[in-house]
Amino acid sequence: MSDPQLPGEPPESETLALLQQIRAGDGEGWRVLYERYHDPLLFWVRMHLGASLRRFLQSEDVFQSAAVEWLRDLERFEYRGEGSLQRYLRRLILNKIRDRADFYAAEKRRPAEPLDEDALPDTAVAYRDHETYERLERALADLPEELREVVLLHKIEGLSTKEIAARTGKSDDAVRKSYSRALARLALRMGGDAEGADG
């Protein structure tokens, strides 16, 4: 069965080539890189903001703040094997979410002043492919929490079913079955077919 079009990051080989261009002084390389990662990372932010933080935070703000930091620190990033860039980006985003969660929990404040967007490309922060991603968000929202977590860990974070089993305290077989059920439900919701877990 085919995958119901769950998104992922661009191929890492292409990303590394763009990083080399940026380090060589090609400003257009950053714009291309930003565009390629925009929708997947914005989607990842939205999937990790809890309901309580959504009352205070806009996912676009978290994404922009992480993108500004990424741009500033890009030249110092050290490639350490396949997946290291994705892990770096996800860590930035998770840190932003945690920092702001701690801020609101401790101070009971309203959101901070608007973020400085001067370093970003001149483009609005919203899904480029809004139809695909908004439809996917609705489909994921319809899943039970347990099934949604397996999909996000496997398809968005890139964990194997064995790694998910270790994190959640379940067996690999149970994770595979949950993943297959989740994809089947997503396929029905999104009008496609689902594939089994590939561990």
Protein backbone atom coordinates (compact mmCIF):
# COMPACT_ATOMS: atom_id res chain seq x y z
CA MET A 1 0.00 0.00 0.00
CA SER A 2 1.21 3.53 -0.68
CA ASP A 3 2.02 6.20 1.87
CA PRO A 4 -0.68 8.89 2.35
CA GLN A 5 1.72 11.69 1.42
CA LEU A 6 3.24 12.41 4.81
CA PRO A 7 5.86 15.15 4.38
CA GLY A 8 9.51 15.03 5.32
CA GLU A 9 12.58 17.22 5.01
CA PRO A 10 14.36 17.68 1.66
CA PRO A 11 17.16 15.22 0.75
CA GLU A 12 20.15 15.85 2.98
CA SER A 13 22.62 15.74 0.06
CA GLU A 14 20.87 18.73 -1.53
CA THR A 15 20.88 20.56 1.79
CA LEU A 16 24.63 20.04 2.26
CA ALA A 17 25.26 21.37 -1.25
CA LEU A 18 23.28 24.50 -0.37
CA LEU A 19 25.24 24.89 2.86
CA GLN A 20 28.46 24.89 0.85
CA GLN A 21 27.04 27.61 -1.42
CA ILE A 22 26.02 29.71 1.58
CA ARG A 23 29.46 29.38 3.17
CA ALA A 24 30.98 30.44 -0.14
CA GLY A 25 29.00 33.68 0.05
CA ASP A 26 25.99 32.80 -2.09
CA GLY A 27 23.10 34.63 -0.43
CA GLU A 28 20.57 33.00 -2.74
CA GLY A 29 21.53 29.63 -1.27
CA TRP A 30 20.00 30.63 2.07
CA ARG A 31 16.75 31.67 0.41
CA VAL A 32 16.50 28.34 -1.41
CA LEU A 33 17.28 26.42 1.78
CA TYR A 34 14.71 28.39 3.76
CA GLU A 35 12.04 27.74 1.13
CA ARG A 36 12.77 24.00 1.05
CA TYR A 37 12.53 23.58 4.81
CA HIS A 38 9.73 26.04 5.44
CA ASP A 39 6.66 23.80 5.24
CA PRO A 40 8.13 20.67 6.88
CA LEU A 41 9.53 22.60 9.84
CA LEU A 42 6.48 24.81 10.27
CA PHE A 43 4.39 21.63 10.30
CA TRP A 44 6.75 20.13 12.88
CA VAL A 45 6.36 23.20 15.10
CA ARG A 46 2.58 23.01 14.90
CA MET A 47 2.57 19.33 15.80
CA HIS A 48 4.63 19.97 18.94
CA LEU A 49 2.84 23.00 20.35
CA GLY A 50 0.39 21.77 22.97
CA ALA A 51 -3.13 23.10 23.34
CA SER A 52 -2.20 25.23 26.34
CA LEU A 53 0.65 27.00 24.51
CA ARG A 54 -1.57 27.66 21.49
CA ARG A 55 -3.45 30.14 23.68
CA PHE A 56 -0.28 32.25 23.91
CA LEU A 57 1.97 31.29 21.00
CA GLN A 58 1.60 31.29 17.26
CA SER A 59 3.48 28.46 15.60
CA GLU A 60 4.69 30.91 12.94
CA ASP A 61 6.42 32.98 15.64
CA VAL A 62 8.24 29.95 17.02
CA PHE A 63 9.28 28.96 13.51
CA GLN A 64 10.54 32.45 12.66
CA SER A 65 12.54 32.71 15.88
CA ALA A 66 14.20 29.35 15.18
CA ALA A 67 14.84 30.35 11.56
CA VAL A 68 16.58 33.58 12.63
CA GLU A 69 18.82 31.60 14.99
CA TRP A 70 19.50 29.03 12.29
CA LEU A 71 20.56 31.75 9.86
CA ARG A 72 22.83 33.34 12.45
CA ASP A 73 24.55 30.08 13.42
CA LEU A 74 24.54 28.31 10.06
CA GLU A 75 28.21 28.85 9.29
CA ARG A 76 29.17 27.22 12.59
CA PHE A 77 27.07 24.11 12.03
CA GLU A 78 29.21 20.97 11.88
CA TYR A 79 27.91 18.08 9.80
CA ARG A 80 28.24 14.85 11.80
CA GLY A 81 26.62 12.30 9.55
CA GLU A 82 23.24 11.64 8.01
CA GLY A 83 20.39 13.22 9.93
CA SER A 84 22.57 15.64 11.91
CA LEU A 85 21.13 18.75 10.24
CA GLN A 86 17.55 17.62 10.83
CA ARG A 87 18.35 16.87 14.46
CA TYR A 88 19.94 20.30 14.81
CA LEU A 89 16.87 22.05 13.38
CA ARG A 90 14.45 20.05 15.52
CA ARG A 91 16.52 20.78 18.63
CA LEU A 92 16.35 24.49 17.88
CA ILE A 93 12.58 24.35 17.55
CA LEU A 94 12.04 22.23 20.65
CA ASN A 95 14.25 24.59 22.65
CA LYS A 96 12.18 27.56 21.48
CA ILE A 97 8.97 25.83 22.50
CA ARG A 98 10.36 24.81 25.91
CA ASP A 99 11.80 28.26 26.59
CA ARG A 100 8.52 29.96 25.87
CA ALA A 101 6.53 27.37 27.81
CA ASP A 102 8.76 28.00 30.84
CA PHE A 103 8.42 31.75 30.37
CA TYR A 104 4.62 31.70 30.39
CA ALA A 105 4.39 29.14 33.16
CA ALA A 106 6.68 31.15 35.45
CA GLU A 107 5.50 34.67 34.67
CA LYS A 108 1.88 34.16 33.52
CA ARG A 109 2.61 36.71 30.82
CA ARG A 110 1.22 37.57 27.47
CA PRO A 111 3.42 36.92 24.41
CA ALA A 112 6.61 38.96 24.11
CA GLU A 113 7.16 41.73 21.62
CA PRO A 114 6.98 40.76 17.92
CA LEU A 115 10.09 39.00 16.66
CA ASP A 116 12.62 40.72 14.45
CA GLU A 117 12.03 39.40 10.93
CA ASP A 118 14.70 41.50 9.17
CA ALA A 119 17.00 38.51 8.60
CA LEU A 120 14.32 36.40 6.91
CA PRO A 121 13.40 36.27 3.22
CA ASP A 122 10.63 38.67 2.27
CA THR A 123 7.79 36.19 2.51
CA ALA A 124 4.84 35.58 4.81
CA VAL A 125 5.14 32.75 7.30
CA ALA A 126 2.37 30.39 6.20
CA TYR A 127 2.31 27.05 4.44
CA ARG A 128 3.25 27.32 0.79
CA ASP A 129 1.40 24.09 0.09
CA HIS A 130 -1.42 24.97 2.46
CA GLU A 131 -3.91 22.50 0.99
CA THR A 132 -1.70 19.46 1.65
CA TYR A 133 -0.51 20.46 5.10
CA GLU A 134 -3.81 21.75 6.42
CA ARG A 135 -5.54 18.59 5.22
CA LEU A 136 -2.85 16.52 6.90
CA GLU A 137 -3.25 18.44 10.16
CA ARG A 138 -6.99 17.78 10.16
CA ALA A 139 -6.43 14.09 9.46
CA LEU A 140 -3.87 13.76 12.26
CA ALA A 141 -6.15 15.62 14.67
CA ASP A 142 -8.80 12.95 14.08
CA LEU A 143 -6.47 10.15 15.23
CA PRO A 144 -6.44 8.91 18.83
CA GLU A 145 -3.47 10.38 20.68
CA GLU A 146 -1.61 7.05 20.82
CA LEU A 147 -1.79 6.55 17.04
CA ARG A 148 -0.95 10.18 16.29
CA GLU A 149 2.17 9.94 18.47
CA VAL A 150 3.45 6.88 16.57
CA VAL A 151 2.98 8.63 13.21
CA LEU A 152 4.76 11.78 14.36
CA LEU A 153 7.66 9.90 15.89
CA HIS A 154 8.13 7.65 12.85
CA LYS A 155 7.40 9.97 9.93
CA ILE A 156 8.21 13.40 11.33
CA GLU A 157 11.04 12.69 13.78
CA GLY A 158 12.40 9.82 11.71
CA LEU A 159 12.59 7.26 14.53
CA SER A 160 12.50 3.56 13.70
CA THR A 161 9.74 1.43 15.19
CA LYS A 162 12.32 -0.10 17.55
CA GLU A 163 13.35 3.36 18.76
CA ILE A 164 9.70 4.29 19.28
CA ALA A 165 9.16 1.08 21.23
CA ALA A 166 12.07 1.93 23.51
CA ARG A 167 10.77 5.46 24.06
CA THR A 168 7.17 4.47 24.71
CA GLY A 169 7.79 1.24 26.62
CA LYS A 170 5.94 -0.90 24.08
CA SER A 171 7.05 -3.81 21.96
CA ASP A 172 8.28 -3.29 18.42
CA ASP A 173 5.40 -5.43 17.16
CA ALA A 174 2.85 -3.30 19.02
CA VAL A 175 4.35 -0.12 17.55
CA ARG A 176 4.25 -1.57 14.03
CA LYS A 177 0.60 -2.52 14.42
CA SER A 178 -0.28 0.90 15.81
CA TYR A 179 1.55 2.59 12.94
CA SER A 180 -0.26 0.47 10.36
CA ARG A 181 -3.63 1.28 11.95
CA ALA A 182 -2.76 4.97 12.04
CA LEU A 183 -1.77 5.06 8.36
CA ALA A 184 -4.92 3.18 7.40
CA ARG A 185 -7.03 5.81 9.15
CA LEU A 186 -5.03 8.64 7.61
CA ALA A 187 -5.45 7.10 4.18
CA LEU A 188 -9.23 7.00 4.60
CA ARG A 189 -9.27 10.61 5.82
CA MET A 190 -6.96 11.88 3.07
CA GLY A 191 -8.26 9.71 0.26
CA GLY A 192 -5.21 7.49 -0.20
CA ASP A 193 -3.88 4.09 0.77
CA ALA A 194 -1.54 3.39 3.64
CA GLU A 195 1.55 1.27 3.94
CA GLY A 196 2.72 -0.87 6.80
CA ALA A 197 5.56 0.08 9.10
CA ASP A 198 9.02 -0.19 7.61
CA GLY A 199 10.91 -0.25 10.96
